Amino acid sequence: MPSASTDSTMPTARPLLLGASGKVGRALRRVAEAGLWPGPLPLWQHRPGSDVPGEDVLAWDILSGRDPRLPPGCRGVIALAGVTTGDADALALNTDLALAAVDLAARHGLGPVLIASSAAVYGRQAGAMAENAPLAPANPYGAAKAAMEAAVAARLIALGADAPSVCCLRIGNVGGADQLFAAMARGPVTLDRFADGQGPRRAYLGAADLAAILAGLLSQGGALPFALNLAAAGTVAMADILDAAGAAWRWTPAPQTALAELALDTSLLAGLIGAPLPRADAAALVAQARLGGWVGPA
């Protein structure tokens, strides 16, 4: 797992994490409680009324139009708040939430801003996608994230010299927070099998590795790229994850619309972190998912 620097370049200010009540946000807090968040711990934003205890919790409605009361020494924003399902209006909230994070950072000098996008913006293209690949989302969620990125880019131009440094994180699957892990928690899983006898392979990242990478990116002294792939190096077979978790599962013939592999080129990320990225590994993903609170097969 990559680790963020702990020398004098590490900022002493704590980041603001928006969307701490979501699956990934909850997993990251569990990781932090286990002592595996490098550097200053985040201020965890929840919706008002969520009744989450702790002095490190900020109750704030991101879309209220009102700024929160931020404690002194808050710098860096991790914007995980978003919508994954629903109709076009619901998915469009991804843009509203991202712009609210950018505007808050601009008004209070909180940058850099790390915004959760998704590898879904690449759609069904073959090969390991690099950040300069054309966006070709194949589903409404991917289209919503691509629209969010475009809206953020336009807002940065409008803000001009007041714009914070913003990086849209095109995240692969996060172990424990994705559909495969949700399916394992429900019961037996049916997995697509392609003509070559293999199942799907995906770009994945564990929650503890994600925490280390986020902290490392926030510690960068210079500007971050506007778009950045986030995943472990390589891909991992979903069948291997099922076996590592001890899940009950069976094969089914893959339909023509099924995607055999979604891979991400993570060379830019590795260069920014300054350390080798973890290799995609099924057992490590399952272990980190359990650390993040995932409860799967007994």
Protein backbone atom coordinates (compact mmCIF):
# COMPACT_ATOMS: atom_id res chain seq x y z
CA MET A 1 0.00 0.00 0.00
CA PRO A 2 1.43 3.40 -0.91
CA SER A 3 2.00 5.69 2.03
CA ALA A 4 1.86 9.45 2.10
CA SER A 5 4.94 11.34 3.20
CA THR A 6 5.15 12.19 6.90
CA ASP A 7 8.02 14.68 6.64
CA SER A 8 7.85 18.46 6.87
CA THR A 9 6.04 18.70 3.52
CA MET A 10 2.93 17.02 4.95
CA PRO A 11 0.27 19.65 5.59
CA THR A 12 -0.85 20.09 9.18
CA ALA A 13 -4.33 21.22 8.12
CA ARG A 14 -7.06 18.60 8.06
CA PRO A 15 -9.04 17.97 4.88
CA LEU A 16 -12.81 18.26 4.58
CA LEU A 17 -14.38 15.02 3.32
CA LEU A 18 -17.79 15.55 1.75
CA GLY A 19 -20.07 12.51 1.61
CA ALA A 20 -18.91 10.65 4.70
CA SER A 21 -22.26 8.87 4.95
CA GLY A 22 -21.85 7.09 1.62
CA LYS A 23 -20.38 3.62 1.16
CA VAL A 24 -16.88 4.81 0.35
CA GLY A 25 -17.00 7.56 2.97
CA ARG A 26 -18.01 5.11 5.71
CA ALA A 27 -15.29 2.70 4.67
CA LEU A 28 -12.66 5.44 4.79
CA ARG A 29 -13.73 6.45 8.27
CA ARG A 30 -13.37 2.86 9.45
CA VAL A 31 -9.89 2.83 7.91
CA ALA A 32 -9.05 6.07 9.73
CA GLU A 33 -10.35 4.67 13.03
CA ALA A 34 -8.00 1.72 12.53
CA GLY A 35 -5.07 4.16 12.38
CA LEU A 36 -4.45 3.72 8.65
CA TRP A 37 -5.10 7.26 7.41
CA PRO A 38 -1.71 8.93 6.82
CA GLY A 39 -1.47 12.52 7.94
CA PRO A 40 -4.17 14.75 9.46
CA LEU A 41 -7.53 13.02 9.79
CA PRO A 42 -10.45 14.41 7.76
CA LEU A 43 -13.39 16.42 8.98
CA TRP A 44 -16.27 14.09 8.06
CA GLN A 45 -19.28 15.84 6.50
CA HIS A 46 -22.73 14.31 7.02
CA ARG A 47 -26.19 15.58 6.22
CA PRO A 48 -27.91 17.41 9.09
CA GLY A 49 -29.97 15.01 11.15
CA SER A 50 -27.75 12.02 10.49
CA ASP A 51 -26.96 11.96 14.24
CA VAL A 52 -23.33 10.94 13.80
CA PRO A 53 -21.42 11.69 17.02
CA GLY A 54 -17.92 13.09 17.28
CA GLU A 55 -16.06 16.38 17.28
CA ASP A 56 -14.64 15.45 13.88
CA VAL A 57 -18.08 15.49 12.23
CA LEU A 58 -19.54 18.41 10.26
CA ALA A 59 -23.32 18.50 9.78
CA TRP A 60 -23.95 20.41 6.57
CA ASP A 61 -26.35 20.23 3.63
CA ILE A 62 -24.02 20.65 0.65
CA LEU A 63 -26.79 21.99 -1.61
CA SER A 64 -28.30 24.37 0.97
CA GLY A 65 -26.62 27.43 -0.51
CA ARG A 66 -25.17 28.27 2.89
CA ASP A 67 -21.54 27.83 3.90
CA PRO A 68 -20.76 25.59 6.86
CA ARG A 69 -18.95 26.76 9.97
CA LEU A 70 -15.51 25.36 9.29
CA PRO A 71 -13.02 24.92 12.11
CA PRO A 72 -9.63 26.65 11.86
CA GLY A 73 -6.95 24.80 9.93
CA CYS A 74 -9.19 23.13 7.36
CA ARG A 75 -7.54 22.72 3.97
CA GLY A 76 -8.10 20.31 1.11
CA VAL A 77 -11.48 18.95 0.03
CA ILE A 78 -12.30 15.33 -0.81
CA ALA A 79 -15.67 15.44 -2.57
CA LEU A 80 -17.14 11.94 -2.50
CA ALA A 81 -20.80 12.99 -2.27
CA GLY A 82 -22.67 11.80 -5.33
CA VAL A 83 -25.58 9.85 -6.80
CA THR A 84 -25.13 6.44 -8.44
CA THR A 85 -28.70 5.51 -9.40
CA GLY A 86 -31.95 7.14 -10.41
CA ASP A 87 -33.33 9.12 -13.32
CA ALA A 88 -31.59 11.91 -15.21
CA ASP A 89 -32.57 14.54 -12.66
CA ALA A 90 -31.20 12.48 -9.77
CA LEU A 91 -27.93 11.76 -11.57
CA ALA A 92 -27.56 15.44 -12.48
CA LEU A 93 -27.06 16.12 -8.77
CA ASN A 94 -23.50 14.85 -9.28
CA THR A 95 -22.80 18.11 -11.07
CA ASP A 96 -24.50 20.24 -8.43
CA LEU A 97 -22.58 18.57 -5.60
CA ALA A 98 -19.23 18.90 -7.38
CA LEU A 99 -19.78 22.57 -8.19
CA ALA A 100 -20.77 23.26 -4.59
CA ALA A 101 -17.46 21.76 -3.45
CA VAL A 102 -15.47 23.84 -5.95
CA ASP A 103 -17.29 27.04 -5.00
CA LEU A 104 -16.80 26.41 -1.27
CA ALA A 105 -13.08 25.85 -1.80
CA ALA A 106 -12.82 29.01 -3.91
CA ARG A 107 -14.56 31.17 -1.29
CA HIS A 108 -12.52 29.89 1.64
CA GLY A 109 -9.17 28.98 0.07
CA LEU A 110 -9.59 25.29 0.84
CA GLY A 111 -8.00 23.74 -2.25
CA PRO A 112 -6.91 21.38 -3.63
CA VAL A 113 -10.26 19.74 -4.36
CA LEU A 114 -10.37 16.01 -5.16
CA ILE A 115 -13.71 15.17 -6.81
CA ALA A 116 -14.93 11.60 -7.19
CA SER A 117 -15.58 10.88 -10.85
CA SER A 118 -15.61 7.34 -12.20
CA ALA A 119 -13.93 5.00 -14.65
CA ALA A 120 -17.43 4.70 -16.14
CA VAL A 121 -16.69 7.85 -18.18
CA TYR A 122 -14.57 5.67 -20.49
CA GLY A 123 -17.44 3.33 -21.33
CA ARG A 124 -16.68 0.10 -23.19
CA GLN A 125 -13.39 1.06 -24.83
CA ALA A 126 -10.74 -1.67 -24.98
CA GLY A 127 -7.31 -1.46 -23.37
CA ALA A 128 -5.97 0.35 -20.35
CA MET A 129 -7.57 3.78 -20.48
CA ALA A 130 -5.26 6.78 -19.99
CA GLU A 131 -6.57 10.14 -18.85
CA ASN A 132 -6.30 11.60 -22.35
CA ALA A 133 -8.57 8.91 -23.86
CA PRO A 134 -11.85 10.19 -25.30
CA LEU A 135 -14.79 9.91 -22.94
CA ALA A 136 -17.45 7.50 -24.20
CA PRO A 137 -19.77 6.63 -21.32
CA ALA A 138 -22.00 3.66 -21.99
CA ASN A 139 -24.56 4.15 -19.20
CA PRO A 140 -26.41 7.07 -17.58
CA TYR A 141 -24.14 7.10 -14.52
CA GLY A 142 -20.99 7.40 -16.66
CA ALA A 143 -22.67 10.12 -18.73
CA ALA A 144 -23.55 12.03 -15.55
CA LYS A 145 -19.97 11.90 -14.32
CA ALA A 146 -18.67 13.05 -17.71
CA ALA A 147 -21.13 15.95 -17.63
CA MET A 148 -19.97 16.76 -14.11
CA GLU A 149 -16.34 16.94 -15.23
CA ALA A 150 -17.28 19.28 -18.09
CA ALA A 151 -19.26 21.53 -15.76
CA VAL A 152 -16.38 21.68 -13.27
CA ALA A 153 -13.94 22.61 -16.05
CA ALA A 154 -16.25 25.43 -17.12
CA ARG A 155 -16.62 26.66 -13.53
CA LEU A 156 -12.83 26.82 -13.11
CA ILE A 157 -12.58 29.02 -16.19
CA ALA A 158 -15.32 31.27 -14.82
CA LEU A 159 -13.59 31.57 -11.44
CA GLY A 160 -10.33 32.58 -13.07
CA ALA A 161 -7.60 33.49 -10.60
CA ASP A 162 -9.87 32.52 -7.68
CA ALA A 163 -10.22 28.93 -8.90
CA PRO A 164 -8.81 26.23 -6.61
CA SER A 165 -6.71 23.36 -7.90
CA VAL A 166 -9.19 20.61 -8.85
CA CYS A 167 -8.59 16.97 -9.72
CA CYS A 168 -11.41 14.71 -10.94
CA LEU A 169 -10.63 11.19 -9.75
CA ARG A 170 -11.68 8.55 -12.25
CA ILE A 171 -11.97 5.80 -9.69
CA GLY A 172 -12.18 2.11 -10.52
CA ASN A 173 -14.19 -0.26 -8.35
CA VAL A 174 -13.65 0.23 -4.61
CA GLY A 175 -13.65 -3.15 -2.88
CA GLY A 176 -16.60 -3.43 -0.51
CA ALA A 177 -18.50 -0.52 -2.07
CA ASP A 178 -19.22 -1.93 -5.54
CA GLN A 179 -21.93 -4.17 -7.01
CA LEU A 180 -19.93 -7.40 -6.76
CA PHE A 181 -19.37 -7.05 -3.02
CA ALA A 182 -23.01 -6.04 -2.54
CA ALA A 183 -24.10 -9.17 -4.42
CA MET A 184 -21.86 -11.38 -2.27
CA ALA A 185 -23.42 -9.92 0.86
CA ARG A 186 -26.91 -10.79 -0.41
CA GLY A 187 -26.23 -14.42 -1.29
CA PRO A 188 -25.01 -16.66 -4.15
CA VAL A 189 -23.57 -14.79 -7.13
CA THR A 190 -23.95 -15.49 -10.85
CA LEU A 191 -20.88 -14.43 -12.83
CA ASP A 192 -20.56 -13.94 -16.59
CA ARG A 193 -18.27 -16.35 -18.40
CA PHE A 194 -16.88 -15.38 -21.78
CA ALA A 195 -15.97 -17.55 -24.78
CA ASP A 196 -12.37 -17.88 -23.56
CA GLY A 197 -13.59 -19.48 -20.34
CA GLN A 198 -12.73 -16.45 -18.21
CA GLY A 199 -14.90 -14.03 -16.29
CA PRO A 200 -14.80 -10.23 -16.02
CA ARG A 201 -11.67 -8.40 -14.92
CA ARG A 202 -11.83 -4.96 -13.40
CA ALA A 203 -9.65 -2.13 -12.09
CA TYR A 204 -10.03 -2.19 -8.30
CA LEU A 205 -8.76 -0.35 -5.25
CA GLY A 206 -9.03 -1.22 -1.57
CA ALA A 207 -10.30 1.28 1.00
CA ALA A 208 -7.00 1.48 2.91
CA ASP A 209 -5.07 1.99 -0.32
CA LEU A 210 -7.57 4.66 -1.33
CA ALA A 211 -7.03 6.49 1.97
CA ALA A 212 -3.26 6.47 1.48
CA ILE A 213 -3.57 7.76 -2.08
CA LEU A 214 -5.99 10.55 -1.14
CA ALA A 215 -3.68 11.70 1.65
CA GLY A 216 -0.72 11.54 -0.72
CA LEU A 217 -2.46 13.64 -3.36
CA LEU A 218 -3.44 16.28 -0.80
CA SER A 219 0.20 16.50 0.28
CA GLN A 220 1.35 17.54 -3.20
CA GLY A 221 2.84 20.99 -3.29
CA GLY A 222 2.01 21.79 -6.92
CA ALA A 223 -1.13 21.75 -9.00
CA LEU A 224 -2.75 18.39 -9.69
CA PRO A 225 -3.92 17.23 -13.13
CA PHE A 226 -7.58 17.93 -13.88
CA ALA A 227 -8.30 14.21 -14.40
CA LEU A 228 -6.58 11.26 -12.75
CA ASN A 229 -7.19 7.52 -12.82
CA LEU A 230 -7.38 5.85 -9.40
CA ALA A 231 -6.91 2.10 -9.10
CA ALA A 232 -4.38 -0.48 -8.07
CA ALA A 233 -1.91 -1.52 -10.76
CA GLY A 234 -3.40 -4.03 -13.18
CA THR A 235 -6.80 -5.69 -12.96
CA VAL A 236 -8.24 -8.45 -10.84
CA ALA A 237 -10.57 -11.28 -11.86
CA MET A 238 -13.98 -11.10 -10.23
CA ALA A 239 -13.91 -14.88 -9.90
CA ASP A 240 -10.77 -14.58 -7.76
CA ILE A 241 -12.52 -12.04 -5.51
CA LEU A 242 -15.47 -14.39 -5.06
CA ASP A 243 -13.14 -17.24 -4.14
CA ALA A 244 -11.08 -15.07 -1.77
CA ALA A 245 -14.26 -14.03 0.03
CA GLY A 246 -15.53 -17.59 0.28
CA ALA A 247 -18.67 -16.68 -1.63
CA ALA A 248 -21.06 -19.14 -3.22
CA TRP A 249 -21.22 -18.52 -6.95
CA ARG A 250 -21.71 -20.08 -10.38
CA TRP A 251 -21.00 -19.26 -14.01
CA THR A 252 -23.50 -18.10 -16.60
CA PRO A 253 -22.82 -17.46 -20.31
CA ALA A 254 -21.89 -13.82 -20.80
CA PRO A 255 -24.34 -11.83 -22.94
CA GLN A 256 -22.99 -9.95 -25.93
CA THR A 257 -23.32 -6.68 -24.04
CA ALA A 258 -21.08 -7.83 -21.17
CA LEU A 259 -17.69 -6.13 -20.76
CA ALA A 260 -14.81 -8.56 -20.29
CA GLU A 261 -12.28 -6.07 -18.94
CA LEU A 262 -12.14 -2.50 -17.69
CA ALA A 263 -8.52 -1.47 -17.16
CA LEU A 264 -6.97 1.86 -16.23
CA ASP A 265 -3.54 3.26 -17.02
CA THR A 266 -2.28 4.33 -13.58
CA SER A 267 1.19 5.54 -14.57
CA LEU A 268 0.29 9.20 -13.95
CA LEU A 269 -0.98 8.35 -10.46
CA ALA A 270 2.16 6.39 -9.63
CA GLY A 271 4.32 9.33 -10.68
CA LEU A 272 2.37 11.74 -8.48
CA ILE A 273 2.45 9.49 -5.42
CA GLY A 274 6.14 8.82 -5.86
CA ALA A 275 5.85 5.20 -4.78
CA PRO A 276 4.85 1.93 -6.45
CA LEU A 277 1.11 1.37 -6.49
CA PRO A 278 -0.25 -1.81 -4.90
CA ARG A 279 -0.96 -4.61 -7.35
CA ALA A 280 -4.59 -5.57 -7.84
CA ASP A 281 -5.00 -8.58 -5.54
CA ALA A 282 -8.22 -10.38 -4.64
CA ALA A 283 -7.26 -11.39 -1.09
CA ALA A 284 -6.06 -7.88 -0.22
CA LEU A 285 -9.27 -6.36 -1.60
CA VAL A 286 -11.42 -8.64 0.53
CA ALA A 287 -9.35 -7.92 3.64
CA GLN A 288 -9.57 -4.16 3.09
CA ALA A 289 -13.31 -4.42 2.40
CA ARG A 290 -13.81 -6.14 5.75
CA LEU A 291 -11.66 -3.49 7.44
CA GLY A 292 -13.93 -0.86 5.89
CA GLY A 293 -17.02 -2.47 7.39
CA TRP A 294 -18.16 -4.81 4.60
CA VAL A 295 -19.91 -7.88 5.92
CA GLY A 296 -19.87 -10.68 3.38
CA PRO A 297 -20.16 -14.44 3.48
CA ALA A 298 -19.48 -15.96 6.89
